[in-house]
N, C-alpha and C. Protein backbone atom coordinates (compact mmCIF):
# COMPACT_ATOMS: atom_id res chain seq x y z
N MET A 1 1.12 -1.01 0.09
CA MET A 1 -0.03 0.17 0.11
C MET A 1 1.07 1.24 -0.35
N ILE A 2 0.56 1.87 -0.52
CA ILE A 2 1.09 3.74 -0.90
C ILE A 2 1.21 4.48 0.11
N ARG A 3 1.46 5.26 1.14
CA ARG A 3 0.87 5.92 2.26
C ARG A 3 1.06 7.37 1.05
N LYS A 4 0.54 7.85 1.71
CA LYS A 4 0.51 9.73 1.19
C LYS A 4 0.11 10.35 2.31
N LEU A 5 0.63 11.63 2.60
CA LEU A 5 1.10 11.88 3.87
C LEU A 5 1.46 13.69 3.34
N ARG A 6 0.68 14.09 4.15
CA ARG A 6 0.53 15.87 4.17
C ARG A 6 1.03 16.09 5.62
N PRO A 7 2.22 16.41 5.87
CA PRO A 7 2.67 17.31 6.57
C PRO A 7 2.43 18.70 6.78
N ALA A 8 1.22 18.72 8.44
CA ALA A 8 1.46 20.25 8.75
C ALA A 8 2.54 21.09 9.36
N THR A 9 3.62 19.49 10.36
CA THR A 9 4.38 20.39 10.73
C THR A 9 5.99 19.39 10.74
N TYR A 10 6.44 19.89 10.94
CA TYR A 10 7.92 18.86 11.02
C TYR A 10 7.62 17.67 12.05
N GLY A 11 7.28 18.13 13.23
CA GLY A 11 6.70 16.67 13.68
C GLY A 11 6.37 15.52 13.45
N GLU A 12 5.71 15.67 12.38
CA GLU A 12 4.76 14.69 11.64
C GLU A 12 5.76 13.40 10.76
N ALA A 13 7.27 13.45 11.14
CA ALA A 13 7.84 13.39 10.81
C ALA A 13 8.14 11.72 11.11
N LEU A 14 7.94 11.40 11.86
CA LEU A 14 7.40 10.21 12.95
C LEU A 14 6.24 9.69 12.24
N HIS A 15 5.99 9.48 11.61
CA HIS A 15 4.71 9.07 9.59
C HIS A 15 5.09 8.65 9.12
N VAL A 16 5.86 9.38 9.06
CA VAL A 16 7.17 9.32 7.56
C VAL A 16 8.37 8.28 7.74
N GLY A 17 8.56 8.21 8.28
CA GLY A 17 9.65 7.48 9.33
C GLY A 17 9.17 5.38 9.40
N HIS A 18 7.33 6.31 10.19
CA HIS A 18 7.39 4.84 11.21
C HIS A 18 6.51 3.58 9.25
N TYR A 19 6.24 4.52 8.72
CA TYR A 19 5.89 3.87 7.27
C TYR A 19 6.96 3.64 6.44
N PHE A 20 8.14 4.10 6.23
CA PHE A 20 8.56 3.79 4.84
C PHE A 20 9.66 2.76 6.32
N ARG A 21 9.48 2.49 7.34
CA ARG A 21 10.20 1.51 8.10
C ARG A 21 9.40 0.27 7.98
N ALA A 22 8.45 0.07 8.38
CA ALA A 22 7.30 -0.97 7.67
C ALA A 22 7.46 -1.92 5.97
N GLY A 23 8.19 -0.69 5.73
CA GLY A 23 8.64 -1.54 3.49
C GLY A 23 7.19 -0.65 3.02
N ASP A 24 6.66 0.22 3.48
CA ASP A 24 6.08 1.17 2.59
C ASP A 24 6.29 1.72 1.68
N PRO A 25 5.98 2.44 1.01
CA PRO A 25 6.40 3.24 0.11
C PRO A 25 5.52 4.33 0.67
N VAL A 26 5.94 5.99 0.47
CA VAL A 26 5.14 7.14 0.45
C VAL A 26 5.63 8.26 0.12
N VAL A 27 4.71 8.75 0.12
CA VAL A 27 3.80 10.32 -1.03
C VAL A 27 4.36 11.00 0.16
N MET A 28 5.49 11.94 -0.24
CA MET A 28 5.41 12.90 0.92
C MET A 28 5.16 14.40 0.45
N ASP A 29 3.33 14.86 0.89
CA ASP A 29 3.32 16.38 -0.02
C ASP A 29 3.33 17.00 0.74
N LEU A 30 4.19 18.14 0.60
CA LEU A 30 5.24 18.97 1.92
C LEU A 30 5.02 20.41 1.62
N ASN A 31 3.41 20.78 1.17
CA ASN A 31 2.59 22.07 0.16
C ASN A 31 2.61 22.70 1.62
N ALA A 32 1.81 21.55 2.49
CA ALA A 32 1.19 21.99 3.54
C ALA A 32 2.27 23.08 4.23
N LEU A 33 3.76 22.78 4.15
CA LEU A 33 4.85 23.27 5.08
C LEU A 33 5.31 24.27 4.93
N PRO A 34 6.26 25.41 5.86
CA PRO A 34 7.41 26.41 5.04
C PRO A 34 8.50 26.65 5.03
N ASP A 35 8.70 26.94 3.88
CA ASP A 35 9.93 26.38 2.49
C ASP A 35 10.68 25.20 4.34
N GLU A 36 11.60 26.35 4.95
CA GLU A 36 12.51 25.56 6.17
C GLU A 36 12.01 24.59 6.24
N GLU A 37 10.81 24.12 7.11
CA GLU A 37 10.48 23.16 7.72
C GLU A 37 10.64 22.47 6.24
N ALA A 38 10.25 22.81 5.85
CA ALA A 38 9.77 21.45 4.06
C ALA A 38 11.65 20.67 3.53
N ARG A 39 12.41 21.52 4.31
CA ARG A 39 13.84 21.04 4.12
C ARG A 39 14.14 20.30 4.77
N GLN A 40 13.19 20.95 5.81
CA GLN A 40 13.74 19.54 7.09
C GLN A 40 13.86 18.74 7.12
N LEU A 41 12.02 18.67 6.95
CA LEU A 41 11.41 17.10 6.82
C LEU A 41 12.55 16.61 4.86
N VAL A 42 12.74 17.15 4.37
CA VAL A 42 13.53 16.30 2.81
C VAL A 42 14.70 15.63 3.82
N ASP A 43 15.59 16.73 4.22
CA ASP A 43 16.61 16.51 4.90
C ASP A 43 16.92 14.76 5.45
N PHE A 44 15.49 14.89 6.60
CA PHE A 44 14.90 13.91 7.26
C PHE A 44 15.08 12.99 6.12
N ALA A 45 14.52 12.75 5.83
CA ALA A 45 13.94 11.62 4.60
C ALA A 45 15.15 10.94 3.88
N ALA A 46 16.10 12.10 3.80
CA ALA A 46 16.89 11.54 3.25
C ALA A 46 18.23 10.95 4.41
N GLY A 47 18.36 11.36 4.91
CA GLY A 47 19.06 10.03 5.91
C GLY A 47 18.13 9.14 6.43
N LEU A 48 16.58 9.09 6.26
CA LEU A 48 16.45 7.57 6.40
C LEU A 48 16.29 6.05 5.49
N ILE A 49 16.96 7.18 4.31
CA ILE A 49 16.81 6.66 2.35
C ILE A 49 18.65 6.27 2.53
N CYS A 50 19.34 7.10 2.81
CA CYS A 50 20.93 6.02 3.65
C CYS A 50 21.09 5.22 4.56
N GLY A 51 20.41 5.63 5.92
CA GLY A 51 20.50 4.20 6.96
C GLY A 51 19.82 3.25 6.35
N ARG A 52 18.89 2.84 5.48
CA ARG A 52 17.61 1.49 5.15
C ARG A 52 17.65 1.52 4.48
N GLY A 53 17.68 1.28 3.25
CA GLY A 53 18.16 1.47 1.98
C GLY A 53 16.86 2.46 1.08
N GLY A 54 16.80 2.30 0.16
CA GLY A 54 15.62 2.73 -0.94
C GLY A 54 16.29 3.67 -2.02
N GLU A 55 15.02 4.60 -1.73
CA GLU A 55 15.29 6.18 -3.00
C GLU A 55 14.19 6.66 -2.68
N MET A 56 15.43 8.29 -2.55
CA MET A 56 13.62 9.83 -3.11
C MET A 56 13.82 10.17 -4.56
N ASN A 57 13.02 10.19 -4.59
CA ASN A 57 11.97 11.13 -5.76
C ASN A 57 11.32 11.79 -5.74
N ARG A 58 11.85 13.03 -6.54
CA ARG A 58 11.04 14.53 -6.66
C ARG A 58 9.82 14.29 -7.54
N VAL A 59 8.55 14.77 -7.56
CA VAL A 59 7.64 13.74 -8.67
C VAL A 59 7.13 15.32 -8.64
N CYS A 60 6.99 16.70 -7.72
CA CYS A 60 6.60 18.05 -8.07
C CYS A 60 7.95 18.71 -6.84
N PRO A 61 7.82 20.19 -7.42
CA PRO A 61 8.55 20.63 -5.98
C PRO A 61 8.58 20.66 -4.84
N LYS A 62 7.10 20.27 -4.13
CA LYS A 62 7.41 19.84 -2.66
C LYS A 62 6.13 18.81 -2.49
N VAL A 63 6.45 17.69 -3.70
CA VAL A 63 6.43 16.49 -3.41
C VAL A 63 7.13 14.80 -3.58
N PHE A 64 7.13 14.08 -2.40
CA PHE A 64 8.16 13.34 -2.84
C PHE A 64 7.96 11.73 -2.81
N LEU A 65 8.09 10.93 -3.67
CA LEU A 65 8.03 10.06 -3.78
C LEU A 65 9.55 8.84 -3.17
N LEU A 66 8.91 8.08 -1.21
CA LEU A 66 10.12 7.76 -0.74
C LEU A 66 9.96 5.94 -1.50
N LEU A 67 11.10 5.46 -1.91
CA LEU A 67 10.37 4.78 -1.48
C LEU A 67 11.20 3.15 -1.00
N PRO A 68 11.02 2.38 -0.01
CA PRO A 68 12.22 1.62 0.46
C PRO A 68 13.11 -0.16 -0.57
N ALA A 69 14.26 0.38 0.61
CA ALA A 69 14.73 -1.10 -0.81
C ALA A 69 13.87 -2.32 -0.88
């Protein structure tokens, strides 16, 4: 199942990590976040990708697809 998340705060990064670690692809829509928080969430996702394997693809300027290994 593909999970679509639209976090309203950086604190919701927990959900991104939870679903990704469970092996679910995650669509991360950051349009509701200010640019600085969106950058922080992209940095978090990049660390998640490096640590757990997988890949991150930009779908639109503030929408990313995280694919587990």
